[in-house]
N, C-alpha and C. Protein backbone atom coordinates (compact mmCIF):
# COMPACT_ATOMS: atom_id res chain seq x y z
N MET A 1 98.64 7.05 85.86
CA MET A 1 99.47 6.15 86.66
C MET A 1 100.55 6.95 87.39
N LYS A 2 100.72 6.68 88.65
CA LYS A 2 101.73 7.37 89.44
C LYS A 2 103.12 6.96 88.96
N PRO A 3 104.04 7.96 88.73
CA PRO A 3 105.38 7.64 88.26
C PRO A 3 106.10 6.69 89.22
N GLY A 4 106.78 5.72 88.68
CA GLY A 4 107.53 4.75 89.47
C GLY A 4 108.30 3.84 88.53
N ILE A 5 108.62 2.64 88.97
CA ILE A 5 109.32 1.70 88.11
C ILE A 5 108.46 0.47 87.89
N LEU A 6 108.73 -0.22 86.80
CA LEU A 6 108.07 -1.48 86.52
C LEU A 6 109.01 -2.58 87.00
N PRO A 7 108.73 -3.19 88.15
CA PRO A 7 109.68 -4.10 88.80
C PRO A 7 109.97 -5.39 88.04
N HIS A 8 109.22 -5.67 86.98
CA HIS A 8 109.46 -6.91 86.24
C HIS A 8 109.85 -6.64 84.78
N LEU A 9 110.27 -5.41 84.50
CA LEU A 9 110.68 -5.05 83.14
C LEU A 9 111.92 -4.15 83.20
N SER A 10 112.96 -4.55 82.48
CA SER A 10 114.19 -3.76 82.47
C SER A 10 114.70 -3.61 81.04
N VAL A 11 115.74 -2.80 80.87
CA VAL A 11 116.42 -2.64 79.59
C VAL A 11 117.92 -2.85 79.81
N ASP A 12 118.59 -3.39 78.82
CA ASP A 12 120.04 -3.57 78.85
C ASP A 12 120.61 -3.13 77.52
N CYS A 13 121.83 -2.57 77.54
CA CYS A 13 122.42 -1.99 76.34
C CYS A 13 123.75 -2.67 76.00
N VAL A 14 123.87 -3.07 74.74
CA VAL A 14 125.11 -3.64 74.22
C VAL A 14 125.72 -2.58 73.31
N ILE A 15 126.77 -1.92 73.79
CA ILE A 15 127.38 -0.81 73.05
C ILE A 15 128.74 -1.25 72.52
N TYR A 16 128.90 -1.22 71.21
CA TYR A 16 130.13 -1.67 70.56
C TYR A 16 130.98 -0.49 70.08
N THR A 17 132.28 -0.71 70.06
CA THR A 17 133.19 0.21 69.41
C THR A 17 134.34 -0.58 68.82
N PHE A 18 135.12 0.06 67.95
CA PHE A 18 136.25 -0.59 67.28
C PHE A 18 137.50 0.22 67.59
N HIS A 19 138.51 -0.48 68.14
CA HIS A 19 139.73 0.21 68.58
C HIS A 19 140.91 -0.74 68.45
N ASN A 20 142.02 -0.23 67.89
CA ASN A 20 143.23 -1.05 67.73
C ASN A 20 142.93 -2.40 67.09
N ASN A 21 142.10 -2.35 66.06
CA ASN A 21 141.75 -3.54 65.28
C ASN A 21 141.00 -4.61 66.09
N GLN A 22 140.34 -4.19 67.17
CA GLN A 22 139.54 -5.09 67.98
C GLN A 22 138.15 -4.52 68.20
N LEU A 23 137.19 -5.41 68.36
CA LEU A 23 135.82 -5.01 68.68
C LEU A 23 135.66 -5.02 70.20
N TYR A 24 135.16 -3.91 70.74
CA TYR A 24 135.00 -3.76 72.19
C TYR A 24 133.53 -3.59 72.55
N VAL A 25 133.21 -3.92 73.81
CA VAL A 25 131.86 -3.70 74.34
C VAL A 25 131.99 -2.93 75.66
N LEU A 26 130.99 -2.15 75.97
CA LEU A 26 131.00 -1.33 77.18
C LEU A 26 130.33 -2.08 78.33
N ILE A 27 131.03 -2.16 79.48
CA ILE A 27 130.46 -2.81 80.66
C ILE A 27 130.59 -1.88 81.87
N VAL A 28 129.77 -2.13 82.88
CA VAL A 28 129.79 -1.31 84.09
C VAL A 28 129.89 -2.22 85.32
N LYS A 29 130.55 -1.71 86.36
CA LYS A 29 130.57 -2.40 87.64
C LYS A 29 129.53 -1.73 88.53
N HIS A 30 128.57 -2.50 88.98
CA HIS A 30 127.44 -1.94 89.73
C HIS A 30 127.84 -1.56 91.16
N ASP A 31 127.14 -0.57 91.68
CA ASP A 31 127.49 -0.02 92.99
C ASP A 31 126.39 -0.22 94.01
N GLU A 32 125.34 -0.92 93.65
CA GLU A 32 124.27 -1.16 94.61
C GLU A 32 123.45 -2.37 94.19
N GLY A 33 122.61 -2.84 95.08
CA GLY A 33 121.73 -3.97 94.79
C GLY A 33 122.43 -5.30 94.88
N VAL A 34 121.76 -6.36 94.41
CA VAL A 34 122.29 -7.72 94.50
C VAL A 34 123.53 -7.91 93.64
N SER A 35 123.74 -7.04 92.65
CA SER A 35 124.90 -7.18 91.77
C SER A 35 126.02 -6.19 92.11
N LYS A 36 125.99 -5.63 93.32
CA LYS A 36 127.01 -4.68 93.72
C LYS A 36 128.40 -5.30 93.61
N GLY A 37 129.32 -4.56 92.98
CA GLY A 37 130.69 -5.02 92.82
C GLY A 37 130.90 -5.98 91.65
N GLU A 38 129.85 -6.27 90.90
CA GLU A 38 129.95 -7.18 89.77
C GLU A 38 129.78 -6.41 88.46
N TRP A 39 130.28 -7.03 87.38
CA TRP A 39 130.23 -6.41 86.06
C TRP A 39 129.01 -6.87 85.28
N GLY A 40 128.49 -5.95 84.48
CA GLY A 40 127.36 -6.30 83.63
C GLY A 40 127.22 -5.29 82.51
N LEU A 41 126.29 -5.54 81.63
CA LEU A 41 125.96 -4.56 80.59
C LEU A 41 125.21 -3.40 81.24
N PRO A 42 125.32 -2.19 80.69
CA PRO A 42 124.54 -1.07 81.23
C PRO A 42 123.05 -1.37 81.15
N GLY A 43 122.38 -1.36 82.28
CA GLY A 43 120.96 -1.68 82.28
C GLY A 43 120.26 -1.19 83.53
N GLY A 44 118.95 -1.21 83.50
CA GLY A 44 118.17 -0.77 84.65
C GLY A 44 116.69 -0.91 84.40
N TRP A 45 115.92 -0.45 85.38
CA TRP A 45 114.47 -0.59 85.33
C TRP A 45 113.82 0.39 84.36
N VAL A 46 112.69 -0.01 83.83
CA VAL A 46 111.85 0.86 83.01
C VAL A 46 110.89 1.59 83.92
N LYS A 47 110.73 2.89 83.73
CA LYS A 47 109.79 3.67 84.53
C LYS A 47 108.39 3.58 83.95
N THR A 48 107.43 3.79 84.79
CA THR A 48 106.03 3.67 84.35
C THR A 48 105.62 4.79 83.40
N ASN A 49 106.35 5.91 83.44
CA ASN A 49 105.96 7.06 82.62
C ASN A 49 106.88 7.28 81.43
N GLU A 50 107.57 6.23 80.95
CA GLU A 50 108.44 6.39 79.78
C GLU A 50 108.32 5.15 78.89
N ASN A 51 108.60 5.37 77.59
CA ASN A 51 108.57 4.21 76.71
C ASN A 51 109.92 3.51 76.74
N LEU A 52 110.01 2.37 76.10
CA LEU A 52 111.22 1.55 76.18
C LEU A 52 112.45 2.25 75.63
N ASP A 53 112.31 2.91 74.47
CA ASP A 53 113.47 3.58 73.86
C ASP A 53 114.02 4.67 74.77
N ASP A 54 113.12 5.45 75.35
CA ASP A 54 113.55 6.52 76.26
C ASP A 54 114.21 5.93 77.51
N SER A 55 113.69 4.82 77.97
CA SER A 55 114.24 4.18 79.15
C SER A 55 115.67 3.71 78.88
N ALA A 56 115.91 3.10 77.72
CA ALA A 56 117.25 2.63 77.37
C ALA A 56 118.23 3.79 77.29
N SER A 57 117.82 4.90 76.68
CA SER A 57 118.70 6.06 76.57
C SER A 57 119.01 6.65 77.94
N ARG A 58 117.99 6.73 78.80
CA ARG A 58 118.18 7.28 80.14
C ARG A 58 119.13 6.42 80.97
N VAL A 59 118.91 5.12 80.97
CA VAL A 59 119.74 4.21 81.76
C VAL A 59 121.19 4.26 81.27
N LEU A 60 121.38 4.26 79.96
CA LEU A 60 122.73 4.32 79.42
C LEU A 60 123.44 5.60 79.83
N ASN A 61 122.73 6.71 79.77
CA ASN A 61 123.33 7.99 80.15
C ASN A 61 123.64 8.04 81.64
N GLN A 62 122.73 7.57 82.47
CA GLN A 62 122.94 7.63 83.92
C GLN A 62 124.10 6.76 84.38
N LEU A 63 124.32 5.64 83.73
CA LEU A 63 125.38 4.72 84.15
C LEU A 63 126.73 5.02 83.53
N THR A 64 126.74 5.52 82.28
CA THR A 64 128.01 5.64 81.55
C THR A 64 128.34 7.05 81.08
N GLY A 65 127.38 7.97 81.14
CA GLY A 65 127.60 9.31 80.64
C GLY A 65 127.34 9.46 79.16
N LEU A 66 127.07 8.37 78.46
CA LEU A 66 126.80 8.45 77.02
C LEU A 66 125.42 9.05 76.77
N LYS A 67 125.36 9.97 75.82
CA LYS A 67 124.08 10.55 75.46
C LYS A 67 124.04 10.78 73.95
N ASN A 68 122.85 10.95 73.44
CA ASN A 68 122.63 11.13 72.00
C ASN A 68 123.18 9.96 71.20
N VAL A 69 123.02 8.76 71.75
CA VAL A 69 123.43 7.54 71.07
C VAL A 69 122.20 6.89 70.45
N TYR A 70 122.29 6.57 69.16
CA TYR A 70 121.16 5.92 68.50
C TYR A 70 121.15 4.45 68.88
N LEU A 71 120.12 4.05 69.61
CA LEU A 71 119.98 2.68 70.08
C LEU A 71 118.91 1.95 69.27
N GLU A 72 119.23 0.73 68.87
CA GLU A 72 118.28 -0.07 68.13
C GLU A 72 117.93 -1.31 68.95
N GLN A 73 116.65 -1.64 68.96
CA GLN A 73 116.21 -2.77 69.77
C GLN A 73 116.77 -4.08 69.22
N LEU A 74 117.27 -4.90 70.11
CA LEU A 74 117.91 -6.16 69.74
C LEU A 74 116.94 -7.33 69.89
N GLN A 75 116.51 -7.58 71.13
CA GLN A 75 115.57 -8.66 71.40
C GLN A 75 115.16 -8.61 72.87
N ALA A 76 114.02 -9.21 73.17
CA ALA A 76 113.59 -9.36 74.56
C ALA A 76 114.11 -10.69 75.09
N PHE A 77 114.55 -10.69 76.34
CA PHE A 77 115.03 -11.90 77.00
C PHE A 77 114.16 -12.15 78.23
N GLY A 78 113.51 -13.32 78.27
CA GLY A 78 112.56 -13.56 79.35
C GLY A 78 112.52 -14.98 79.85
N ASN A 79 113.64 -15.70 79.74
CA ASN A 79 113.65 -17.06 80.28
C ASN A 79 113.26 -17.06 81.76
N ILE A 80 112.55 -18.08 82.17
CA ILE A 80 112.05 -18.16 83.54
C ILE A 80 113.18 -18.09 84.56
N ASP A 81 114.32 -18.70 84.24
CA ASP A 81 115.41 -18.78 85.21
C ASP A 81 116.53 -17.77 84.98
N ARG A 82 116.26 -16.71 84.21
CA ARG A 82 117.32 -15.74 83.94
C ARG A 82 117.68 -14.92 85.18
N LEU A 83 116.74 -14.83 86.14
CA LEU A 83 116.97 -14.12 87.40
C LEU A 83 116.20 -14.87 88.50
N PRO A 84 116.53 -14.60 89.76
CA PRO A 84 115.81 -15.28 90.85
C PRO A 84 114.29 -15.11 90.77
N GLU A 85 113.84 -13.94 90.29
CA GLU A 85 112.41 -13.75 90.07
C GLU A 85 112.19 -13.40 88.61
N ARG A 86 110.98 -13.56 88.13
CA ARG A 86 110.68 -13.40 86.70
C ARG A 86 110.79 -11.93 86.29
N ILE A 87 111.83 -11.63 85.54
CA ILE A 87 112.06 -10.28 85.03
C ILE A 87 112.38 -10.37 83.55
N ILE A 88 111.68 -9.63 82.75
CA ILE A 88 111.92 -9.58 81.31
C ILE A 88 112.75 -8.35 80.99
N THR A 89 113.80 -8.51 80.19
CA THR A 89 114.60 -7.36 79.79
C THR A 89 114.56 -7.22 78.28
N VAL A 90 114.54 -5.99 77.82
CA VAL A 90 114.60 -5.68 76.39
C VAL A 90 115.99 -5.12 76.11
N ALA A 91 116.73 -5.82 75.26
CA ALA A 91 118.11 -5.42 74.98
C ALA A 91 118.16 -4.50 73.76
N TYR A 92 119.07 -3.53 73.83
CA TYR A 92 119.34 -2.61 72.74
C TYR A 92 120.82 -2.69 72.37
N TYR A 93 121.15 -2.25 71.16
CA TYR A 93 122.56 -2.21 70.78
C TYR A 93 122.85 -0.92 70.01
N ALA A 94 124.13 -0.57 69.99
CA ALA A 94 124.58 0.61 69.24
C ALA A 94 126.03 0.41 68.84
N LEU A 95 126.41 1.05 67.74
CA LEU A 95 127.79 1.07 67.27
C LEU A 95 128.27 2.51 67.33
N ILE A 96 129.33 2.78 68.07
CA ILE A 96 129.81 4.15 68.19
C ILE A 96 131.32 4.21 68.04
N LYS A 97 131.82 5.39 67.71
CA LYS A 97 133.26 5.60 67.63
C LYS A 97 133.76 6.04 69.00
N MET A 98 134.73 5.33 69.53
CA MET A 98 135.23 5.61 70.87
C MET A 98 135.66 7.05 71.04
N GLU A 99 136.31 7.60 70.00
CA GLU A 99 136.87 8.95 70.12
C GLU A 99 135.80 10.04 70.12
N ASP A 100 134.57 9.69 69.76
CA ASP A 100 133.49 10.68 69.70
C ASP A 100 132.76 10.84 71.03
N TYR A 101 133.04 9.98 72.00
CA TYR A 101 132.30 10.00 73.25
C TYR A 101 133.23 9.88 74.45
N GLU A 102 132.81 10.48 75.54
CA GLU A 102 133.51 10.31 76.82
C GLU A 102 132.61 9.48 77.74
N ILE A 103 133.22 8.55 78.43
CA ILE A 103 132.45 7.73 79.35
C ILE A 103 132.90 8.00 80.79
N HIS A 104 131.98 7.88 81.70
CA HIS A 104 132.31 8.01 83.13
C HIS A 104 131.25 7.29 83.94
N ALA A 105 131.66 6.75 85.06
CA ALA A 105 130.72 6.04 85.92
C ALA A 105 129.78 7.03 86.59
N GLY A 106 128.50 6.75 86.50
CA GLY A 106 127.52 7.65 87.10
C GLY A 106 126.55 6.92 87.99
N ASN A 107 125.86 7.66 88.80
CA ASN A 107 124.81 7.14 89.67
C ASN A 107 125.13 5.82 90.34
N THR A 108 124.62 4.73 89.82
CA THR A 108 124.74 3.44 90.50
C THR A 108 125.88 2.58 89.95
N ALA A 109 126.88 3.19 89.33
CA ALA A 109 128.01 2.44 88.79
C ALA A 109 129.29 2.82 89.52
N GLN A 110 130.11 1.83 89.87
CA GLN A 110 131.43 2.09 90.45
C GLN A 110 132.44 2.41 89.38
N GLU A 111 132.31 1.75 88.23
CA GLU A 111 133.30 1.87 87.16
C GLU A 111 132.65 1.53 85.83
N VAL A 112 133.15 2.14 84.77
CA VAL A 112 132.68 1.84 83.42
C VAL A 112 133.92 1.62 82.56
N ARG A 113 133.88 0.62 81.68
CA ARG A 113 135.10 0.24 80.97
C ARG A 113 134.77 -0.38 79.61
N TRP A 114 135.63 -0.07 78.62
CA TRP A 114 135.59 -0.77 77.33
C TRP A 114 136.43 -2.04 77.46
N VAL A 115 135.91 -3.18 77.02
CA VAL A 115 136.65 -4.44 77.06
C VAL A 115 136.46 -5.18 75.73
N PRO A 116 137.46 -5.96 75.28
CA PRO A 116 137.28 -6.78 74.08
C PRO A 116 136.11 -7.73 74.28
N ILE A 117 135.36 -7.98 73.23
CA ILE A 117 134.13 -8.75 73.36
C ILE A 117 134.36 -10.19 73.84
N HIS A 118 135.58 -10.71 73.64
CA HIS A 118 135.85 -12.08 74.09
C HIS A 118 136.86 -12.11 75.24
N ASP A 119 137.09 -10.98 75.85
CA ASP A 119 138.06 -10.91 76.95
C ASP A 119 137.51 -9.99 78.04
N HIS A 120 136.41 -10.40 78.63
CA HIS A 120 135.76 -9.59 79.66
C HIS A 120 135.53 -10.43 80.91
N PRO A 121 135.37 -9.81 82.06
CA PRO A 121 135.07 -10.56 83.28
C PRO A 121 133.69 -11.20 83.18
N PRO A 122 133.41 -12.18 84.04
CA PRO A 122 132.06 -12.78 84.06
C PRO A 122 131.01 -11.69 84.27
N LEU A 123 129.93 -11.78 83.53
CA LEU A 123 128.87 -10.78 83.62
C LEU A 123 127.69 -11.32 84.42
N ILE A 124 126.96 -10.41 85.03
CA ILE A 124 125.84 -10.78 85.90
C ILE A 124 124.69 -11.41 85.10
N PHE A 125 123.89 -12.18 85.83
CA PHE A 125 122.65 -12.76 85.30
C PHE A 125 122.92 -13.49 83.96
N ASP A 126 122.14 -13.13 82.93
CA ASP A 126 122.34 -13.75 81.62
C ASP A 126 122.99 -12.78 80.63
N HIS A 127 123.75 -11.82 81.15
CA HIS A 127 124.35 -10.81 80.27
C HIS A 127 125.36 -11.40 79.30
N ASP A 128 126.01 -12.50 79.69
CA ASP A 128 126.90 -13.19 78.73
C ASP A 128 126.09 -13.70 77.54
N ASP A 129 124.91 -14.21 77.81
CA ASP A 129 124.04 -14.71 76.74
C ASP A 129 123.57 -13.56 75.85
N ILE A 130 123.22 -12.43 76.48
CA ILE A 130 122.78 -11.27 75.71
C ILE A 130 123.90 -10.77 74.81
N LEU A 131 125.12 -10.73 75.34
CA LEU A 131 126.26 -10.28 74.55
C LEU A 131 126.53 -11.24 73.40
N ARG A 132 126.48 -12.54 73.65
CA ARG A 132 126.70 -13.51 72.57
C ARG A 132 125.64 -13.36 71.48
N PHE A 133 124.39 -13.13 71.90
CA PHE A 133 123.33 -12.92 70.92
C PHE A 133 123.60 -11.65 70.12
N GLY A 134 124.04 -10.59 70.81
CA GLY A 134 124.35 -9.35 70.12
C GLY A 134 125.47 -9.53 69.11
N ASN A 135 126.50 -10.29 69.48
CA ASN A 135 127.61 -10.54 68.56
C ASN A 135 127.13 -11.29 67.32
N SER A 136 126.28 -12.29 67.55
CA SER A 136 125.76 -13.08 66.44
C SER A 136 124.88 -12.23 65.52
N ARG A 137 124.04 -11.40 66.10
CA ARG A 137 123.17 -10.53 65.30
C ARG A 137 124.01 -9.52 64.51
N LEU A 138 125.05 -8.99 65.13
CA LEU A 138 125.91 -8.03 64.46
C LEU A 138 126.58 -8.65 63.24
N GLN A 139 126.99 -9.91 63.35
CA GLN A 139 127.63 -10.61 62.23
C GLN A 139 126.66 -10.74 61.04
N LYS A 140 125.39 -10.90 61.32
CA LYS A 140 124.40 -11.00 60.25
C LYS A 140 124.12 -9.62 59.64
N ILE A 141 124.02 -8.62 60.49
CA ILE A 141 123.64 -7.30 60.02
C ILE A 141 124.70 -6.70 59.12
N VAL A 142 126.00 -6.90 59.46
CA VAL A 142 127.04 -6.25 58.65
C VAL A 142 127.13 -6.82 57.24
N ARG A 143 126.51 -7.97 57.01
CA ARG A 143 126.48 -8.52 55.66
C ARG A 143 125.29 -7.99 54.86
N GLN A 144 124.37 -7.30 55.53
CA GLN A 144 123.16 -6.81 54.87
C GLN A 144 123.08 -5.29 54.81
N LYS A 145 123.77 -4.61 55.73
CA LYS A 145 123.78 -3.16 55.75
C LYS A 145 125.20 -2.68 56.06
N PRO A 146 125.59 -1.51 55.55
CA PRO A 146 126.95 -1.02 55.80
C PRO A 146 127.09 -0.33 57.16
N ILE A 147 126.42 -0.85 58.18
CA ILE A 147 126.45 -0.20 59.48
C ILE A 147 127.81 -0.31 60.16
N GLY A 148 128.58 -1.34 59.80
CA GLY A 148 129.90 -1.48 60.41
C GLY A 148 130.79 -0.30 60.13
N PHE A 149 130.50 0.42 59.05
CA PHE A 149 131.31 1.57 58.70
C PHE A 149 131.19 2.70 59.72
N ASN A 150 130.14 2.66 60.54
CA ASN A 150 129.96 3.68 61.57
C ASN A 150 131.05 3.62 62.62
N LEU A 151 131.82 2.55 62.65
CA LEU A 151 132.87 2.39 63.65
C LEU A 151 134.22 2.93 63.20
N LEU A 152 134.30 3.37 61.96
CA LEU A 152 135.58 3.85 61.42
C LEU A 152 135.65 5.37 61.46
N PRO A 153 136.88 5.93 61.48
CA PRO A 153 137.02 7.39 61.39
C PRO A 153 136.54 7.87 60.02
N GLU A 154 136.43 9.16 59.86
CA GLU A 154 135.92 9.71 58.60
C GLU A 154 136.81 9.31 57.43
N GLU A 155 138.10 9.30 57.64
CA GLU A 155 139.05 8.85 56.62
C GLU A 155 139.80 7.65 57.16
N PHE A 156 139.93 6.62 56.38
CA PHE A 156 140.47 5.35 56.86
C PHE A 156 141.22 4.65 55.74
N THR A 157 142.01 3.66 56.11
CA THR A 157 142.73 2.85 55.13
C THR A 157 141.94 1.58 54.83
N LEU A 158 142.27 0.93 53.72
CA LEU A 158 141.62 -0.33 53.40
C LEU A 158 142.00 -1.40 54.41
N PHE A 159 143.18 -1.27 54.99
CA PHE A 159 143.58 -2.21 56.04
C PHE A 159 142.67 -2.06 57.26
N GLN A 160 142.34 -0.83 57.64
CA GLN A 160 141.43 -0.62 58.77
C GLN A 160 140.05 -1.19 58.47
N LEU A 161 139.59 -1.00 57.25
CA LEU A 161 138.27 -1.51 56.86
C LEU A 161 138.25 -3.04 56.91
N GLN A 162 139.28 -3.67 56.39
CA GLN A 162 139.34 -5.13 56.43
C GLN A 162 139.46 -5.63 57.87
N SER A 163 140.25 -4.93 58.69
CA SER A 163 140.41 -5.33 60.09
C SER A 163 139.08 -5.25 60.83
N LEU A 164 138.26 -4.25 60.49
CA LEU A 164 136.94 -4.12 61.12
C LEU A 164 136.07 -5.34 60.80
N TYR A 165 136.00 -5.70 59.53
CA TYR A 165 135.17 -6.84 59.15
C TYR A 165 135.71 -8.14 59.70
N GLU A 166 137.01 -8.27 59.79
CA GLU A 166 137.59 -9.48 60.37
C GLU A 166 137.27 -9.57 61.86
N ALA A 167 137.26 -8.42 62.54
CA ALA A 167 136.95 -8.40 63.97
C ALA A 167 135.49 -8.77 64.23
N ILE A 168 134.58 -8.24 63.42
CA ILE A 168 133.16 -8.51 63.61
C ILE A 168 132.82 -9.95 63.22
N LEU A 169 133.32 -10.38 62.07
CA LEU A 169 132.97 -11.70 61.56
C LEU A 169 133.88 -12.80 62.07
N GLU A 170 134.92 -12.41 62.81
CA GLU A 170 135.83 -13.36 63.45
C GLU A 170 136.42 -14.34 62.44
N THR A 171 136.95 -13.78 61.37
CA THR A 171 137.58 -14.58 60.32
C THR A 171 138.62 -13.74 59.61
N LYS A 172 139.46 -14.37 58.82
CA LYS A 172 140.47 -13.68 58.05
C LYS A 172 140.08 -13.71 56.57
N PHE A 173 140.30 -12.60 55.88
CA PHE A 173 139.97 -12.51 54.47
C PHE A 173 141.23 -12.40 53.62
N ASP A 174 141.11 -12.89 52.41
CA ASP A 174 142.18 -12.71 51.44
C ASP A 174 142.23 -11.23 51.06
N LYS A 175 143.38 -10.61 51.25
CA LYS A 175 143.51 -9.16 51.08
C LYS A 175 143.12 -8.69 49.68
N PRO A 176 143.67 -9.23 48.60
CA PRO A 176 143.28 -8.75 47.25
C PRO A 176 141.80 -8.96 46.96
N ASN A 177 141.26 -10.12 47.37
CA ASN A 177 139.86 -10.41 47.11
C ASN A 177 138.94 -9.48 47.87
N PHE A 178 139.25 -9.21 49.13
CA PHE A 178 138.45 -8.30 49.95
C PHE A 178 138.42 -6.91 49.32
N ARG A 179 139.58 -6.41 48.94
CA ARG A 179 139.65 -5.06 48.38
C ARG A 179 138.95 -4.97 47.03
N ARG A 180 139.07 -6.00 46.24
CA ARG A 180 138.42 -5.99 44.93
C ARG A 180 136.91 -5.91 45.08
N LYS A 181 136.35 -6.67 46.01
CA LYS A 181 134.90 -6.66 46.21
C LYS A 181 134.43 -5.34 46.80
N LEU A 182 135.20 -4.76 47.71
CA LEU A 182 134.82 -3.47 48.30
C LEU A 182 134.81 -2.37 47.25
N LEU A 183 135.84 -2.32 46.46
CA LEU A 183 135.95 -1.27 45.45
C LEU A 183 134.88 -1.42 44.37
N LYS A 184 134.47 -2.66 44.11
CA LYS A 184 133.43 -2.91 43.11
C LYS A 184 132.09 -2.35 43.54
N MET A 185 131.88 -2.20 44.85
CA MET A 185 130.60 -1.69 45.37
C MET A 185 130.46 -0.19 45.20
N LYS A 186 131.52 0.49 44.80
CA LYS A 186 131.50 1.95 44.56
C LYS A 186 131.18 2.75 45.82
N LEU A 187 131.42 2.16 46.98
CA LEU A 187 131.14 2.83 48.24
C LEU A 187 132.25 3.79 48.66
N LEU A 188 133.45 3.53 48.18
CA LEU A 188 134.61 4.24 48.68
C LEU A 188 135.09 5.33 47.72
N ILE A 189 135.54 6.41 48.30
CA ILE A 189 136.12 7.52 47.54
C ILE A 189 137.57 7.68 47.98
N ASP A 190 138.47 7.65 47.02
CA ASP A 190 139.89 7.84 47.31
C ASP A 190 140.12 9.32 47.58
N THR A 191 140.59 9.65 48.78
CA THR A 191 140.79 11.06 49.15
C THR A 191 142.05 11.65 48.53
N LYS A 192 142.87 10.80 47.91
CA LYS A 192 144.16 11.22 47.33
C LYS A 192 145.13 11.66 48.42
N LYS A 193 144.86 11.23 49.65
CA LYS A 193 145.75 11.54 50.77
C LYS A 193 146.35 10.26 51.32
N LYS A 194 147.43 10.42 52.07
CA LYS A 194 148.12 9.29 52.66
C LYS A 194 148.08 9.38 54.18
N GLU A 195 148.29 8.24 54.82
CA GLU A 195 148.45 8.22 56.27
C GLU A 195 149.61 9.12 56.69
N LYS A 196 149.53 9.61 57.90
CA LYS A 196 150.61 10.41 58.45
C LYS A 196 151.13 9.79 59.75
N ASN A 197 152.38 10.07 60.04
CA ASN A 197 152.99 9.64 61.31
C ASN A 197 152.92 8.12 61.50
N VAL A 198 153.28 7.39 60.45
CA VAL A 198 153.34 5.93 60.54
C VAL A 198 154.75 5.47 60.21
N ASN A 199 155.14 4.35 60.79
CA ASN A 199 156.49 3.83 60.58
C ASN A 199 156.62 3.09 59.26
N ASN A 200 155.53 2.47 58.83
CA ASN A 200 155.56 1.73 57.57
C ASN A 200 155.22 2.65 56.41
N ARG A 201 155.16 2.08 55.23
CA ARG A 201 154.81 2.86 54.04
C ARG A 201 153.39 3.40 54.18
N PRO A 202 153.20 4.73 54.06
CA PRO A 202 151.86 5.31 54.23
C PRO A 202 150.87 4.75 53.22
N ALA A 203 149.68 4.38 53.72
CA ALA A 203 148.63 3.83 52.86
C ALA A 203 147.68 4.94 52.42
N ASN A 204 146.96 4.68 51.34
CA ASN A 204 145.96 5.63 50.85
C ASN A 204 144.80 5.74 51.84
N LEU A 205 144.24 6.92 51.95
CA LEU A 205 143.08 7.15 52.81
C LEU A 205 141.81 7.24 51.97
N PHE A 206 140.76 6.60 52.46
CA PHE A 206 139.47 6.59 51.78
C PHE A 206 138.39 7.16 52.69
N ARG A 207 137.29 7.53 52.09
CA ARG A 207 136.09 7.89 52.84
C ARG A 207 134.90 7.29 52.10
N PHE A 208 133.74 7.33 52.74
CA PHE A 208 132.55 6.74 52.12
C PHE A 208 131.82 7.75 51.25
N ASP A 209 131.26 7.27 50.17
CA ASP A 209 130.36 8.07 49.35
C ASP A 209 129.02 8.10 50.10
N GLN A 210 128.68 9.25 50.67
CA GLN A 210 127.52 9.34 51.54
C GLN A 210 126.22 8.97 50.84
N PHE A 211 126.09 9.36 49.57
CA PHE A 211 124.85 9.06 48.83
C PHE A 211 124.67 7.55 48.69
N ILE A 212 125.71 6.87 48.23
CA ILE A 212 125.62 5.43 48.04
C ILE A 212 125.51 4.71 49.39
N TYR A 213 126.23 5.23 50.38
CA TYR A 213 126.16 4.65 51.73
C TYR A 213 124.72 4.68 52.25
N ASP A 214 124.07 5.83 52.18
CA ASP A 214 122.69 5.96 52.67
C ASP A 214 121.73 5.08 51.86
N LYS A 215 121.97 4.98 50.56
CA LYS A 215 121.11 4.17 49.69
C LYS A 215 121.22 2.70 50.06
N LEU A 216 122.44 2.22 50.26
CA LEU A 216 122.64 0.82 50.64
C LEU A 216 122.11 0.54 52.04
N LYS A 217 122.27 1.50 52.94
CA LYS A 217 121.79 1.32 54.31
C LYS A 217 120.28 1.19 54.34
N GLU A 218 119.61 1.94 53.45
CA GLU A 218 118.15 1.90 53.41
C GLU A 218 117.63 0.64 52.74
N LYS A 219 118.22 0.26 51.61
CA LYS A 219 117.72 -0.87 50.84
C LYS A 219 118.34 -2.20 51.25
N GLY A 220 119.52 -2.15 51.86
CA GLY A 220 120.21 -3.37 52.20
C GLY A 220 121.01 -3.89 51.03
N PHE A 221 121.96 -4.76 51.31
CA PHE A 221 122.78 -5.31 50.26
C PHE A 221 123.34 -6.65 50.74
N SER A 222 123.90 -7.40 49.82
CA SER A 222 124.49 -8.69 50.17
C SER A 222 126.00 -8.55 50.06
N PHE A 223 126.65 -8.54 51.22
CA PHE A 223 128.10 -8.36 51.27
C PHE A 223 128.72 -9.75 51.35
N ASP A 224 128.90 -10.39 50.20
CA ASP A 224 129.41 -11.75 50.15
C ASP A 224 130.93 -11.72 50.06
N LEU A 225 131.59 -12.02 51.19
CA LEU A 225 133.04 -12.02 51.23
C LEU A 225 133.59 -13.44 51.14
């Protein structure tokens, strides 16, 4: 098959990060086509000579500069009226630490920006629906796998950990109860270090037990808060 694009198949990426106790998503302002000047999730056409996973990684890199990001398939979206003509998109998602990556607008993007998941401009096509689905799926996944921990720094406080879960699950937890359940899971290791350069009383710093973390991630668990 001659290399080209598949005009009725695209990929879109929902990229999450955690910053200042808020959950953020990455969006781009397009610089060409029918969506020029409008905001949307990073996405584009699938080429005839690449598989879906490679296509998602390529599109994400070309639009935002992100590379070597582990993307997991979310769901296919193919409602008849999602676009003026019938186009099916396969959505992917990833959780990354903001400080580990640099973003920049590339190729067909005017601008790329991190925005809070519930405080973003209107998105093109059905991207609002894709984002809402991604948020809902993320809320289910964090109760079954410790993937939410990928959004925290290597060493973190229990307050940061609770803030992460409150941001994802959009609820408030009882502080003593949350900490008691987390510590019971044996996932955390006390580093015996304290926060630095804070105005309030420095809190203890923790890190994850990598062996238990990998074991729970593989087998799954029930995180009943």
